[in-house]
Amino acid sequence: MEWTTVQHLDLRHVGRSSKPLQPHAAAFHPHQALVAVAIGNYIIEMDALTGCKISSIDIGTPVVRMSYSPTSGHSVVAILEDCTIRSCDFDAEQTCVLHSPEKKTEQISSDTKSIWL
C-alpha cells in the first residue's frame, strides 16, 4: 500500500489526562488504512487516511510491542510492560490475556532487544 498524504493524528485527549502523553508503540494494519497507537495505558485505533479516532481500549499497563493479528481484522496482539501478552479486539471493545507470566517482578521496556513476529 502506498500513501500519498500525511496525516497528523490527534492524540491529545487520551484517557482524559491533564498532561499530554507521548505515543510509545504503533502498528499498521497489513491490508487496511488503519494504525493502532499505544499511549500510556491505552491502545487507540485510528483511520490512517483521515486521522480520525475509531476506537480505544484501556489495557491497564503500557505496551512495549504490538502488531495487528494476522487472523482477525481489528485485533492487536500486544506485549505489555509486565510481560503479559494480551489480545485487544477493537470490534468487541474487549481484551483477552493470552499469556501471563508467573513471576510478577520482571518488567520489560521498549529498549529491550527482542524478535517480534
Protein backbone atom coordinates (compact mmCIF):
# COMPACT_ATOMS: atom_id res chain seq x y z
CA MET A 1 0.00 0.00 0.00
CA GLU A 2 1.39 3.38 -0.96
CA TRP A 3 0.13 6.52 0.74
CA THR A 4 0.33 9.89 -0.91
CA THR A 5 -0.79 12.05 2.02
CA VAL A 6 0.47 12.82 5.50
CA GLN A 7 -1.92 12.82 8.47
CA HIS A 8 -1.38 14.29 11.91
CA LEU A 9 -3.10 12.13 14.49
CA ASP A 10 -4.82 13.99 17.34
CA LEU A 11 -3.62 12.15 20.45
CA ARG A 12 -4.15 14.96 22.99
CA HIS A 13 -7.19 13.71 24.90
CA VAL A 14 -6.27 10.11 25.58
CA GLY A 15 -7.58 8.92 28.93
CA ARG A 16 -8.72 12.43 29.82
CA SER A 17 -5.27 13.14 31.24
CA SER A 18 -4.40 16.74 32.02
CA LYS A 19 -0.86 16.24 30.72
CA PRO A 20 -0.16 15.30 27.10
CA LEU A 21 1.14 11.76 26.67
CA GLN A 22 3.60 10.60 24.02
CA PRO A 23 2.91 7.52 21.89
CA HIS A 24 5.38 4.71 22.62
CA ALA A 25 4.31 1.97 20.19
CA ALA A 26 2.42 1.76 16.90
CA ALA A 27 1.29 -0.89 14.44
CA PHE A 28 -0.03 -0.54 10.90
CA HIS A 29 -2.74 -2.83 9.62
CA PRO A 30 -1.38 -5.03 6.81
CA HIS A 31 -4.38 -4.60 4.44
CA GLN A 32 -6.41 -1.61 5.60
CA ALA A 33 -5.57 2.04 6.19
CA LEU A 34 -5.57 1.65 9.97
CA VAL A 35 -2.97 2.37 12.63
CA ALA A 36 -3.02 1.33 16.28
CA VAL A 37 -1.14 3.64 18.65
CA ALA A 38 -0.20 2.89 22.28
CA ILE A 39 -0.26 5.88 24.62
CA GLY A 40 0.02 5.35 28.36
CA ASN A 41 -2.35 2.50 29.25
CA TYR A 42 -4.44 2.93 26.09
CA ILE A 43 -4.35 1.43 22.61
CA ILE A 44 -6.14 3.63 20.08
CA GLU A 45 -7.17 2.54 16.60
CA MET A 46 -7.19 5.35 14.04
CA ASP A 47 -8.05 5.78 10.39
CA ALA A 48 -4.71 6.44 8.70
CA LEU A 49 -6.30 8.34 5.81
CA THR A 50 -8.38 10.83 7.81
CA GLY A 51 -6.53 10.79 11.16
CA CYS A 52 -9.82 10.14 12.99
CA LYS A 53 -10.02 8.01 16.11
CA ILE A 54 -12.08 4.85 15.56
CA SER A 55 -11.82 3.14 18.95
CA SER A 56 -9.76 2.97 22.13
CA ILE A 57 -9.18 0.39 24.83
CA ASP A 58 -7.68 0.87 28.31
CA ILE A 59 -5.46 -2.17 28.86
CA GLY A 60 -4.15 -1.13 32.28
CA THR A 61 -0.39 -1.30 31.56
CA PRO A 62 1.85 0.37 28.96
CA VAL A 63 2.55 -1.53 25.73
CA VAL A 64 6.12 -2.45 24.76
CA ARG A 65 5.42 -4.05 21.36
CA MET A 66 2.30 -4.72 19.32
CA SER A 67 1.13 -5.95 15.95
CA TYR A 68 -2.20 -6.46 14.22
CA SER A 69 -3.34 -10.07 14.43
CA PRO A 70 -2.99 -11.87 11.10
CA THR A 71 -6.22 -13.82 11.71
CA SER A 72 -8.59 -11.03 12.72
CA GLY A 73 -9.36 -7.70 11.08
CA HIS A 74 -9.43 -5.36 14.05
CA SER A 75 -7.41 -7.13 16.75
CA VAL A 76 -3.99 -6.21 18.08
CA VAL A 77 -1.68 -8.58 19.95
CA ALA A 78 0.39 -6.63 22.47
CA ILE A 79 3.28 -7.38 24.80
CA LEU A 80 2.87 -5.30 27.92
CA GLU A 81 5.43 -3.83 30.29
CA ASP A 82 4.63 -6.50 32.93
CA CYS A 83 5.42 -9.27 30.36
CA THR A 84 1.75 -10.11 29.79
CA ILE A 85 0.65 -10.88 26.22
CA ARG A 86 -2.83 -9.55 25.55
CA SER A 87 -5.18 -9.53 22.56
CA CYS A 88 -7.27 -6.39 22.05
CA ASP A 89 -10.37 -6.71 19.86
CA PHE A 90 -11.48 -3.25 18.73
CA ASP A 91 -14.75 -4.54 17.23
CA ALA A 92 -15.90 -6.07 20.52
CA GLU A 93 -14.05 -3.44 22.61
CA GLN A 94 -12.59 -6.09 24.89
CA THR A 95 -9.25 -7.62 25.76
CA CYS A 96 -8.13 -11.16 26.47
CA VAL A 97 -4.99 -12.31 28.32
CA LEU A 98 -3.11 -14.77 26.11
CA HIS A 99 -0.18 -15.26 28.48
CA SER A 100 0.53 -14.04 31.99
CA PRO A 101 3.99 -14.65 33.45
CA GLU A 102 4.31 -16.44 36.76
CA LYS A 103 6.98 -14.08 38.05
CA LYS A 104 5.46 -10.63 38.52
CA THR A 105 8.78 -8.99 39.42
CA GLU A 106 10.19 -8.88 35.89
CA GLN A 107 9.49 -5.87 33.70
CA ILE A 108 10.49 -5.20 30.14
CA SER A 109 10.90 -1.93 28.32
CA SER A 110 10.81 -0.81 24.72
CA ASP A 111 14.63 -0.68 24.82
CA THR A 112 14.80 -4.47 25.26
CA LYS A 113 16.24 -6.12 22.17
CA SER A 114 13.87 -8.87 21.08
CA ILE A 115 12.45 -10.51 18.00
CA TRP A 116 8.84 -9.62 17.24
CA LEU A 117 6.52 -11.55 14.93
